[in-house]
Amino acid sequence: MKRITDMTVAEYRRLAKRMERRFGPDKKWSELPLARKRGRPLKGDKREVLTVHSVKMSAAEWKALQAEARTLGTTVNALIRSVLRPDSLSRVVHAAGLTG
């Protein structure tokens, strides 16, 4: 990502519009795409147990997934889960306004 001082006016306007859509004052606190604290879940929090699996794809496909996830402010794993199970769309995808 470019530094703000290196952006053109059009690029800055696109960035401002994207940030307003993601973090605007009309968003509820629960809809904000905030990173969760790393580490163990808080005591009493119930988390779904996840297992490790591998997916083979070309380097170009992986880079495209990474770019899309970065645009949405989420991880590649969360992006894949949201495509496979639309009912589990993360609040990041909802907050980005990409759902119907």
PDB file of N, CA and C in Angstrom:
ATOM      1  N   MET A   1       0.844  -1.171   0.000  1.00  0.00           N
ATOM      2  CA  MET A   1       0.000   0.000   0.000  1.00  0.00           C
ATOM      3  C   MET A   1       0.888   1.232   0.000  1.00  0.00           C
ATOM      4  N   LYS A   2       0.484   2.200  -0.782  1.00  0.00           N
ATOM      5  CA  LYS A   2       1.237   3.447  -0.868  1.00  0.00           C
ATOM      6  C   LYS A   2       1.069   4.278   0.398  1.00  0.00           C
ATOM      7  N   ARG A   3       2.056   5.095   0.651  1.00  0.00           N
ATOM      8  CA  ARG A   3       1.904   6.071   1.722  1.00  0.00           C
ATOM      9  C   ARG A   3       0.949   7.152   1.247  1.00  0.00           C
ATOM     10  N   ILE A   4       0.247   7.759   2.149  1.00  0.00           N
ATOM     11  CA  ILE A   4      -0.739   8.782   1.785  1.00  0.00           C
ATOM     12  C   ILE A   4      -0.080   9.923   1.022  1.00  0.00           C
ATOM     13  N   THR A   5       1.130  10.276   1.394  1.00  0.00           N
ATOM     14  CA  THR A   5       1.813  11.382   0.711  1.00  0.00           C
ATOM     15  C   THR A   5       2.167  11.047  -0.729  1.00  0.00           C
ATOM     16  N   ASP A   6       2.210   9.754  -1.077  1.00  0.00           N
ATOM     17  CA  ASP A   6       2.531   9.338  -2.436  1.00  0.00           C
ATOM     18  C   ASP A   6       1.294   9.081  -3.290  1.00  0.00           C
ATOM     19  N   MET A   7       0.101   9.229  -2.728  1.00  0.00           N
ATOM     20  CA  MET A   7      -1.135   8.939  -3.451  1.00  0.00           C
ATOM     21  C   MET A   7      -1.585  10.137  -4.278  1.00  0.00           C
ATOM     22  N   THR A   8      -2.247   9.813  -5.386  1.00  0.00           N
ATOM     23  CA  THR A   8      -2.909  10.869  -6.153  1.00  0.00           C
ATOM     24  C   THR A   8      -4.204  11.221  -5.428  1.00  0.00           C
ATOM     25  N   VAL A   9      -4.834  12.283  -5.853  1.00  0.00           N
ATOM     26  CA  VAL A   9      -6.096  12.690  -5.224  1.00  0.00           C
ATOM     27  C   VAL A   9      -7.150  11.596  -5.412  1.00  0.00           C
ATOM     28  N   ALA A  10      -7.218  11.008  -6.608  1.00  0.00           N
ATOM     29  CA  ALA A  10      -8.210   9.954  -6.880  1.00  0.00           C
ATOM     30  C   ALA A  10      -7.959   8.727  -6.003  1.00  0.00           C
ATOM     31  N   GLU A  11      -6.689   8.345  -5.841  1.00  0.00           N
ATOM     32  CA  GLU A  11      -6.361   7.198  -4.996  1.00  0.00           C
ATOM     33  C   GLU A  11      -6.738   7.467  -3.541  1.00  0.00           C
ATOM     34  N   TYR A  12      -6.465   8.689  -3.083  1.00  0.00           N
ATOM     35  CA  TYR A  12      -6.811   9.040  -1.710  1.00  0.00           C
ATOM     36  C   TYR A  12      -8.321   9.021  -1.502  1.00  0.00           C
ATOM     37  N   ARG A  13      -9.073   9.515  -2.470  1.00  0.00           N
ATOM     38  CA  ARG A  13     -10.537   9.497  -2.352  1.00  0.00           C
ATOM     39  C   ARG A  13     -11.064   8.066  -2.286  1.00  0.00           C
ATOM     40  N   ARG A  14     -10.492   7.158  -3.111  1.00  0.00           N
ATOM     41  CA  ARG A  14     -10.909   5.740  -3.062  1.00  0.00           C
ATOM     42  C   ARG A  14     -10.598   5.139  -1.695  1.00  0.00           C
ATOM     43  N   LEU A  15      -9.417   5.450  -1.160  1.00  0.00           N
ATOM     44  CA  LEU A  15      -9.045   4.945   0.162  1.00  0.00           C
ATOM     45  C   LEU A  15      -9.997   5.484   1.227  1.00  0.00           C
ATOM     46  N   ALA A  16     -10.296   6.775   1.180  1.00  0.00           N
ATOM     47  CA  ALA A  16     -11.192   7.380   2.168  1.00  0.00           C
ATOM     48  C   ALA A  16     -12.588   6.765   2.079  1.00  0.00           C
ATOM     49  N   LYS A  17     -13.059   6.526   0.868  1.00  0.00           N
ATOM     50  CA  LYS A  17     -14.387   5.917   0.690  1.00  0.00           C
ATOM     51  C   LYS A  17     -14.407   4.507   1.262  1.00  0.00           C
ATOM     52  N   ARG A  18     -13.336   3.732   0.999  1.00  0.00           N
ATOM     53  CA  ARG A  18     -13.260   2.369   1.528  1.00  0.00           C
ATOM     54  C   ARG A  18     -13.214   2.373   3.057  1.00  0.00           C
ATOM     55  N   MET A  19     -12.439   3.269   3.638  1.00  0.00           N
ATOM     56  CA  MET A  19     -12.337   3.342   5.096  1.00  0.00           C
ATOM     57  C   MET A  19     -13.674   3.774   5.703  1.00  0.00           C
ATOM     58  N   GLU A  20     -14.368   4.693   5.045  1.00  0.00           N
ATOM     59  CA  GLU A  20     -15.671   5.140   5.541  1.00  0.00           C
ATOM     60  C   GLU A  20     -16.666   3.977   5.531  1.00  0.00           C
ATOM     61  N   ARG A  21     -16.600   3.155   4.463  1.00  0.00           N
ATOM     62  CA  ARG A  21     -17.500   2.004   4.368  1.00  0.00           C
ATOM     63  C   ARG A  21     -17.189   0.978   5.462  1.00  0.00           C
ATOM     64  N   ARG A  22     -15.912   0.806   5.773  1.00  0.00           N
ATOM     65  CA  ARG A  22     -15.524  -0.197   6.769  1.00  0.00           C
ATOM     66  C   ARG A  22     -15.664   0.286   8.202  1.00  0.00           C
ATOM     67  N   PHE A  23     -15.334   1.559   8.463  1.00  0.00           N
ATOM     68  CA  PHE A  23     -15.242   2.050   9.839  1.00  0.00           C
ATOM     69  C   PHE A  23     -16.166   3.224  10.129  1.00  0.00           C
ATOM     70  N   GLY A  24     -17.114   3.513   9.249  1.00  0.00           N
ATOM     71  CA  GLY A  24     -17.957   4.698   9.368  1.00  0.00           C
ATOM     72  C   GLY A  24     -18.765   4.762  10.651  1.00  0.00           C
ATOM     73  N   PRO A  25     -19.254   5.948  10.978  1.00  0.00           N
ATOM     74  CA  PRO A  25     -19.989   6.147  12.225  1.00  0.00           C
ATOM     75  C   PRO A  25     -21.330   5.418  12.276  1.00  0.00           C
ATOM     76  N   ASP A  26     -21.830   4.969  11.110  1.00  0.00           N
ATOM     77  CA  ASP A  26     -23.105   4.251  11.099  1.00  0.00           C
ATOM     78  C   ASP A  26     -22.944   2.774  11.439  1.00  0.00           C
ATOM     79  N   LYS A  27     -21.704   2.295  11.619  1.00  0.00           N
ATOM     80  CA  LYS A  27     -21.452   0.887  11.933  1.00  0.00           C
ATOM     81  C   LYS A  27     -21.650   0.620  13.422  1.00  0.00           C
ATOM     82  N   LYS A  28     -22.271  -0.508  13.712  1.00  0.00           N
ATOM     83  CA  LYS A  28     -22.370  -0.934  15.109  1.00  0.00           C
ATOM     84  C   LYS A  28     -21.001  -1.448  15.543  1.00  0.00           C
ATOM     85  N   TRP A  29     -20.750  -1.426  16.817  1.00  0.00           N
ATOM     86  CA  TRP A  29     -19.469  -1.886  17.351  1.00  0.00           C
ATOM     87  C   TRP A  29     -19.198  -3.327  16.933  1.00  0.00           C
ATOM     88  N   SER A  30     -20.220  -4.173  16.929  1.00  0.00           N
ATOM     89  CA  SER A  30     -20.038  -5.582  16.591  1.00  0.00           C
ATOM     90  C   SER A  30     -19.745  -5.793  15.105  1.00  0.00           C
ATOM     91  N   GLU A  31     -20.045  -4.804  14.252  1.00  0.00           N
ATOM     92  CA  GLU A  31     -19.798  -4.923  12.824  1.00  0.00           C
ATOM     93  C   GLU A  31     -18.414  -4.434  12.413  1.00  0.00           C
ATOM     94  N   LEU A  32     -17.719  -3.760  13.292  1.00  0.00           N
ATOM     95  CA  LEU A  32     -16.415  -3.220  12.938  1.00  0.00           C
ATOM     96  C   LEU A  32     -15.408  -4.342  12.741  1.00  0.00           C
ATOM     97  N   PRO A  33     -14.599  -4.246  11.687  1.00  0.00           N
ATOM     98  CA  PRO A  33     -13.620  -5.294  11.409  1.00  0.00           C
ATOM     99  C   PRO A  33     -12.371  -5.132  12.267  1.00  0.00           C
ATOM    100  N   LEU A  34     -12.526  -5.395  13.538  1.00  0.00           N
ATOM    101  CA  LEU A  34     -11.418  -5.247  14.470  1.00  0.00           C
ATOM    102  C   LEU A  34     -10.728  -6.583  14.675  1.00  0.00           C
ATOM    103  N   ALA A  35      -9.428  -6.546  14.774  1.00  0.00           N
ATOM    104  CA  ALA A  35      -8.668  -7.770  15.006  1.00  0.00           C
ATOM    105  C   ALA A  35      -8.874  -8.230  16.444  1.00  0.00           C
ATOM    106  N   ARG A  36      -9.110  -9.484  16.594  1.00  0.00           N
ATOM    107  CA  ARG A  36      -9.242 -10.054  17.930  1.00  0.00           C
ATOM    108  C   ARG A  36      -7.870 -10.195  18.560  1.00  0.00           C
ATOM    109  N   LYS A  37      -7.847 -10.196  19.854  1.00  0.00           N
ATOM    110  CA  LYS A  37      -6.606 -10.370  20.591  1.00  0.00           C
ATOM    111  C   LYS A  37      -6.055 -11.763  20.311  1.00  0.00           C
ATOM    112  N   ARG A  38      -4.779 -11.850  20.022  1.00  0.00           N
ATOM    113  CA  ARG A  38      -4.154 -13.149  19.771  1.00  0.00           C
ATOM    114  C   ARG A  38      -4.009 -13.926  21.066  1.00  0.00           C
ATOM    115  N   GLY A  39      -3.871 -15.231  20.918  1.00  0.00           N
ATOM    116  CA  GLY A  39      -3.661 -16.075  22.076  1.00  0.00           C
ATOM    117  C   GLY A  39      -4.881 -16.903  22.413  1.00  0.00           C
ATOM    118  N   ARG A  40      -4.888 -17.398  23.608  1.00  0.00           N
ATOM    119  CA  ARG A  40      -5.984 -18.251  24.049  1.00  0.00           C
ATOM    120  C   ARG A  40      -7.270 -17.448  24.194  1.00  0.00           C
ATOM    121  N   PRO A  41      -8.420 -18.098  23.942  1.00  0.00           N
ATOM    122  CA  PRO A  41      -9.694 -17.403  24.160  1.00  0.00           C
ATOM    123  C   PRO A  41      -9.884 -17.084  25.642  1.00  0.00           C
ATOM    124  N   LEU A  42     -10.697 -16.091  25.904  1.00  0.00           N
ATOM    125  CA  LEU A  42     -10.996 -15.745  27.282  1.00  0.00           C
ATOM    126  C   LEU A  42     -11.699 -16.904  27.974  1.00  0.00           C
ATOM    127  N   LYS A  43     -11.547 -16.980  29.270  1.00  0.00           N
ATOM    128  CA  LYS A  43     -12.172 -18.053  30.027  1.00  0.00           C
ATOM    129  C   LYS A  43     -13.686 -18.002  29.835  1.00  0.00           C
ATOM    130  N   GLY A  44     -14.265 -19.124  29.495  1.00  0.00           N
ATOM    131  CA  GLY A  44     -15.701 -19.207  29.283  1.00  0.00           C
ATOM    132  C   GLY A  44     -16.117 -19.049  27.824  1.00  0.00           C
ATOM    133  N   ASP A  45     -15.224 -18.536  26.966  1.00  0.00           N
ATOM    134  CA  ASP A  45     -15.546 -18.410  25.540  1.00  0.00           C
ATOM    135  C   ASP A  45     -15.533 -19.783  24.885  1.00  0.00           C
ATOM    136  N   LYS A  46     -16.554 -20.069  24.115  1.00  0.00           N
ATOM    137  CA  LYS A  46     -16.627 -21.338  23.392  1.00  0.00           C
ATOM    138  C   LYS A  46     -16.163 -21.095  21.968  1.00  0.00           C
ATOM    139  N   ARG A  47     -15.196 -21.855  21.521  1.00  0.00           N
ATOM    140  CA  ARG A  47     -14.657 -21.723  20.166  1.00  0.00           C
ATOM    141  C   ARG A  47     -14.838 -23.032  19.415  1.00  0.00           C
ATOM    142  N   GLU A  48     -15.069 -22.923  18.117  1.00  0.00           N
ATOM    143  CA  GLU A  48     -15.167 -24.103  17.275  1.00  0.00           C
ATOM    144  C   GLU A  48     -13.772 -24.694  17.117  1.00  0.00           C
ATOM    145  N   VAL A  49     -13.658 -25.992  17.258  1.00  0.00           N
ATOM    146  CA  VAL A  49     -12.376 -26.663  17.103  1.00  0.00           C
ATOM    147  C   VAL A  49     -12.068 -26.759  15.610  1.00  0.00           C
ATOM    148  N   LEU A  50     -10.906 -26.280  15.207  1.00  0.00           N
ATOM    149  CA  LEU A  50     -10.503 -26.304  13.808  1.00  0.00           C
ATOM    150  C   LEU A  50      -9.375 -27.310  13.620  1.00  0.00           C
ATOM    151  N   THR A  51      -9.387 -27.993  12.488  1.00  0.00           N
ATOM    152  CA  THR A  51      -8.309 -28.922  12.168  1.00  0.00           C
ATOM    153  C   THR A  51      -7.589 -28.428  10.927  1.00  0.00           C
ATOM    154  N   VAL A  52      -6.357 -28.835  10.782  1.00  0.00           N
ATOM    155  CA  VAL A  52      -5.521 -28.391   9.670  1.00  0.00           C
ATOM    156  C   VAL A  52      -5.740 -29.301   8.468  1.00  0.00           C
ATOM    157  N   HIS A  53      -5.951 -28.699   7.304  1.00  0.00           N
ATOM    158  CA  HIS A  53      -6.066 -29.416   6.037  1.00  0.00           C
ATOM    159  C   HIS A  53      -5.282 -28.633   5.002  1.00  0.00           C
ATOM    160  N   SER A  54      -4.930 -29.285   3.922  1.00  0.00           N
ATOM    161  CA  SER A  54      -4.208 -28.560   2.876  1.00  0.00           C
ATOM    162  C   SER A  54      -5.039 -28.501   1.604  1.00  0.00           C
ATOM    163  N   VAL A  55      -4.831 -27.447   0.846  1.00  0.00           N
ATOM    164  CA  VAL A  55      -5.496 -27.254  -0.430  1.00  0.00           C
ATOM    165  C   VAL A  55      -4.401 -26.943  -1.443  1.00  0.00           C
ATOM    166  N   LYS A  56      -4.388 -27.694  -2.531  1.00  0.00           N
ATOM    167  CA  LYS A  56      -3.365 -27.448  -3.554  1.00  0.00           C
ATOM    168  C   LYS A  56      -3.935 -26.534  -4.621  1.00  0.00           C
ATOM    169  N   MET A  57      -3.168 -25.493  -4.933  1.00  0.00           N
ATOM    170  CA  MET A  57      -3.557 -24.558  -5.986  1.00  0.00           C
ATOM    171  C   MET A  57      -2.297 -23.902  -6.517  1.00  0.00           C
ATOM    172  N   SER A  58      -2.433 -23.248  -7.648  1.00  0.00           N
ATOM    173  CA  SER A  58      -1.270 -22.585  -8.241  1.00  0.00           C
ATOM    174  C   SER A  58      -0.883 -21.364  -7.411  1.00  0.00           C
ATOM    175  N   ALA A  59       0.331 -20.919  -7.629  1.00  0.00           N
ATOM    176  CA  ALA A  59       0.821 -19.742  -6.901  1.00  0.00           C
ATOM    177  C   ALA A  59      -0.019 -18.512  -7.245  1.00  0.00           C
ATOM    178  N   ALA A  60      -0.438 -18.411  -8.504  1.00  0.00           N
ATOM    179  CA  ALA A  60      -1.252 -17.262  -8.919  1.00  0.00           C
ATOM    180  C   ALA A  60      -2.605 -17.261  -8.212  1.00  0.00           C
ATOM    181  N   GLU A  61      -3.215 -18.445  -8.073  1.00  0.00           N
ATOM    182  CA  GLU A  61      -4.494 -18.540  -7.369  1.00  0.00           C
ATOM    183  C   GLU A  61      -4.335 -18.152  -5.899  1.00  0.00           C
ATOM    184  N   TRP A  62      -3.249 -18.613  -5.284  1.00  0.00           N
ATOM    185  CA  TRP A  62      -3.007 -18.299  -3.878  1.00  0.00           C
ATOM    186  C   TRP A  62      -2.810 -16.797  -3.689  1.00  0.00           C
ATOM    187  N   LYS A  63      -2.031 -16.174  -4.588  1.00  0.00           N
ATOM    188  CA  LYS A  63      -1.804 -14.731  -4.502  1.00  0.00           C
ATOM    189  C   LYS A  63      -3.113 -13.967  -4.656  1.00  0.00           C
ATOM    190  N   ALA A  64      -3.994 -14.441  -5.544  1.00  0.00           N
ATOM    191  CA  ALA A  64      -5.290 -13.787  -5.730  1.00  0.00           C
ATOM    192  C   ALA A  64      -6.132 -13.891  -4.463  1.00  0.00           C
ATOM    193  N   LEU A  65      -6.114 -15.062  -3.820  1.00  0.00           N
ATOM    194  CA  LEU A  65      -6.845 -15.230  -2.559  1.00  0.00           C
ATOM    195  C   LEU A  65      -6.285 -14.311  -1.480  1.00  0.00           C
ATOM    196  N   GLN A  66      -4.969 -14.235  -1.395  1.00  0.00           N
ATOM    197  CA  GLN A  66      -4.349 -13.366  -0.404  1.00  0.00           C
ATOM    198  C   GLN A  66      -4.725 -11.902  -0.639  1.00  0.00           C
ATOM    199  N   ALA A  67      -4.721 -11.482  -1.895  1.00  0.00           N
ATOM    200  CA  ALA A  67      -5.070 -10.097  -2.214  1.00  0.00           C
ATOM    201  C   ALA A  67      -6.517  -9.804  -1.852  1.00  0.00           C
ATOM    202  N   GLU A  68      -7.416 -10.724  -2.167  1.00  0.00           N
ATOM    203  CA  GLU A  68      -8.834 -10.525  -1.846  1.00  0.00           C
ATOM    204  C   GLU A  68      -9.043 -10.482  -0.332  1.00  0.00           C
ATOM    205  N   ALA A  69      -8.381 -11.385   0.379  1.00  0.00           N
ATOM    206  CA  ALA A  69      -8.498 -11.405   1.842  1.00  0.00           C
ATOM    207  C   ALA A  69      -7.952 -10.107   2.436  1.00  0.00           C
ATOM    208  N   ARG A  70      -6.837  -9.642   1.906  1.00  0.00           N
ATOM    209  CA  ARG A  70      -6.244  -8.402   2.408  1.00  0.00           C
ATOM    210  C   ARG A  70      -7.195  -7.227   2.165  1.00  0.00           C
ATOM    211  N   THR A  71      -7.854  -7.216   1.001  1.00  0.00           N
ATOM    212  CA  THR A  71      -8.816  -6.161   0.690  1.00  0.00           C
ATOM    213  C   THR A  71      -9.957  -6.152   1.696  1.00  0.00           C
ATOM    214  N   LEU A  72     -10.395  -7.341   2.103  1.00  0.00           N
ATOM    215  CA  LEU A  72     -11.501  -7.464   3.050  1.00  0.00           C
ATOM    216  C   LEU A  72     -11.054  -7.332   4.498  1.00  0.00           C
ATOM    217  N   GLY A  73      -9.745  -7.320   4.727  1.00  0.00           N
ATOM    218  CA  GLY A  73      -9.248  -7.218   6.091  1.00  0.00           C
ATOM    219  C   GLY A  73      -9.433  -8.496   6.879  1.00  0.00           C
ATOM    220  N   THR A  74      -9.312  -9.634   6.208  1.00  0.00           N
ATOM    221  CA  THR A  74      -9.480 -10.916   6.871  1.00  0.00           C
ATOM    222  C   THR A  74      -8.370 -11.862   6.422  1.00  0.00           C
ATOM    223  N   THR A  75      -8.435 -13.106   6.839  1.00  0.00           N
ATOM    224  CA  THR A  75      -7.427 -14.088   6.454  1.00  0.00           C
ATOM    225  C   THR A  75      -7.913 -14.914   5.276  1.00  0.00           C
ATOM    226  N   VAL A  76      -6.970 -15.598   4.626  1.00  0.00           N
ATOM    227  CA  VAL A  76      -7.337 -16.484   3.515  1.00  0.00           C
ATOM    228  C   VAL A  76      -8.253 -17.597   4.031  1.00  0.00           C
ATOM    229  N   ASN A  77      -7.955 -18.136   5.198  1.00  0.00           N
ATOM    230  CA  ASN A  77      -8.792 -19.211   5.753  1.00  0.00           C
ATOM    231  C   ASN A  77     -10.215 -18.734   5.999  1.00  0.00           C
ATOM    232  N   ALA A  78     -10.382 -17.542   6.547  1.00  0.00           N
ATOM    233  CA  ALA A  78     -11.728 -17.016   6.787  1.00  0.00           C
ATOM    234  C   ALA A  78     -12.452 -16.756   5.466  1.00  0.00           C
ATOM    235  N   LEU A  79     -11.724 -16.313   4.461  1.00  0.00           N
ATOM    236  CA  LEU A  79     -12.317 -16.073   3.146  1.00  0.00           C
ATOM    237  C   LEU A  79     -12.812 -17.382   2.535  1.00  0.00           C
ATOM    238  N   ILE A  80     -12.001 -18.426   2.601  1.00  0.00           N
ATOM    239  CA  ILE A  80     -12.398 -19.734   2.064  1.00  0.00           C
ATOM    240  C   ILE A  80     -13.608 -20.269   2.829  1.00  0.00           C
ATOM    241  N   ARG A  81     -13.597 -20.152   4.162  1.00  0.00           N
ATOM    242  CA  ARG A  81     -14.748 -20.609   4.950  1.00  0.00           C
ATOM    243  C   ARG A  81     -16.014 -19.872   4.573  1.00  0.00           C
ATOM    244  N   SER A  82     -15.900 -18.549   4.317  1.00  0.00           N
ATOM    245  CA  SER A  82     -17.089 -17.775   3.983  1.00  0.00           C
ATOM    246  C   SER A  82     -17.664 -18.166   2.628  1.00  0.00           C
ATOM    247  N   VAL A  83     -16.811 -18.622   1.724  1.00  0.00           N
ATOM    248  CA  VAL A  83     -17.298 -19.071   0.417  1.00  0.00           C
ATOM    249  C   VAL A  83     -17.944 -20.447   0.524  1.00  0.00           C
ATOM    250  N   LEU A  84     -17.340 -21.317   1.301  1.00  0.00           N
ATOM    251  CA  LEU A  84     -17.860 -22.680   1.435  1.00  0.00           C
ATOM    252  C   LEU A  84     -19.103 -22.741   2.302  1.00  0.00           C
ATOM    253  N   ARG A  85     -19.171 -21.888   3.304  1.00  0.00           N
ATOM    254  CA  ARG A  85     -20.327 -21.869   4.213  1.00  0.00           C
ATOM    255  C   ARG A  85     -20.817 -20.441   4.347  1.00  0.00           C
ATOM    256  N   PRO A  86     -21.689 -20.003   3.426  1.00  0.00           N
ATOM    257  CA  PRO A  86     -22.140 -18.604   3.464  1.00  0.00           C
ATOM    258  C   PRO A  86     -22.796 -18.218   4.784  1.00  0.00           C
ATOM    259  N   ASP A  87     -23.350 -19.192   5.504  1.00  0.00           N
ATOM    260  CA  ASP A  87     -23.963 -18.868   6.793  1.00  0.00           C
ATOM    261  C   ASP A  87     -22.926 -18.464   7.829  1.00  0.00           C
ATOM    262  N   SER A  88     -21.653 -18.747   7.548  1.00  0.00           N
ATOM    263  CA  SER A  88     -20.603 -18.395   8.503  1.00  0.00           C
ATOM    264  C   SER A  88     -19.796 -17.185   8.039  1.00  0.00           C
ATOM    265  N   LEU A  89     -20.395 -16.358   7.194  1.00  0.00           N
ATOM    266  CA  LEU A  89     -19.673 -15.172   6.740  1.00  0.00           C
ATOM    267  C   LEU A  89     -19.202 -14.361   7.935  1.00  0.00           C
ATOM    268  N   SER A  90     -17.965 -13.976   7.875  1.00  0.00           N
ATOM    269  CA  SER A  90     -17.418 -13.211   8.997  1.00  0.00           C
ATOM    270  C   SER A  90     -17.996 -11.813   9.009  1.00  0.00           C
ATOM    271  N   ARG A  91     -17.961 -11.168  10.167  1.00  0.00           N
ATOM    272  CA  ARG A  91     -18.484  -9.808  10.269  1.00  0.00           C
ATOM    273  C   ARG A  91     -17.636  -8.846   9.459  1.00  0.00           C
ATOM    274  N   VAL A  92     -16.409  -9.262   9.131  1.00  0.00           N
ATOM    275  CA  VAL A  92     -15.565  -8.419   8.293  1.00  0.00           C
ATOM    276  C   VAL A  92     -16.166  -8.286   6.908  1.00  0.00           C
ATOM    277  N   VAL A  93     -16.649  -9.417   6.357  1.00  0.00           N
ATOM    278  CA  VAL A  93     -17.246  -9.388   5.026  1.00  0.00           C
ATOM    279  C   VAL A  93     -18.548  -8.596   5.070  1.00  0.00           C
ATOM    280  N   HIS A  94     -19.338  -8.767   6.121  1.00  0.00           N
ATOM    281  CA  HIS A  94     -20.565  -7.992   6.267  1.00  0.00           C
ATOM    282  C   HIS A  94     -20.232  -6.505   6.361  1.00  0.00           C
ATOM    283  N   ALA A  95     -19.235  -6.169   7.155  1.00  0.00           N
ATOM    284  CA  ALA A  95     -18.880  -4.768   7.368  1.00  0.00           C
ATOM    285  C   ALA A  95     -18.361  -4.120   6.090  1.00  0.00           C
ATOM    286  N   ALA A  96     -17.753  -4.927   5.214  1.00  0.00           N
ATOM    287  CA  ALA A  96     -17.242  -4.384   3.958  1.00  0.00           C
ATOM    288  C   ALA A  96     -18.352  -4.137   2.955  1.00  0.00           C
ATOM    289  N   GLY A  97     -19.578  -4.575   3.291  1.00  0.00           N
ATOM    290  CA  GLY A  97     -20.710  -4.332   2.406  1.00  0.00           C
ATOM    291  C   GLY A  97     -20.741  -5.246   1.199  1.00  0.00           C
ATOM    292  N   LEU A  98     -20.138  -6.430   1.306  1.00  0.00           N
ATOM    293  CA  LEU A  98     -20.059  -7.323   0.166  1.00  0.00           C
ATOM    294  C   LEU A  98     -21.104  -8.414   0.190  1.00  0.00           C
ATOM    295  N   THR A  99     -22.031  -8.362   1.105  1.00  0.00           N
ATOM    296  CA  THR A  99     -23.096  -9.360   1.158  1.00  0.00           C
ATOM    297  C   THR A  99     -24.394  -8.710   0.726  1.00  0.00           C
ATOM    298  N   GLY A 100     -25.335  -9.575   0.326  1.00  0.00           N
ATOM    299  CA  GLY A 100     -26.605  -9.072  -0.189  1.00  0.00           C
ATOM    300  C   GLY A 100     -27.563  -8.632   0.811  1.00  0.00           C
TER     301      GLY A 100
END
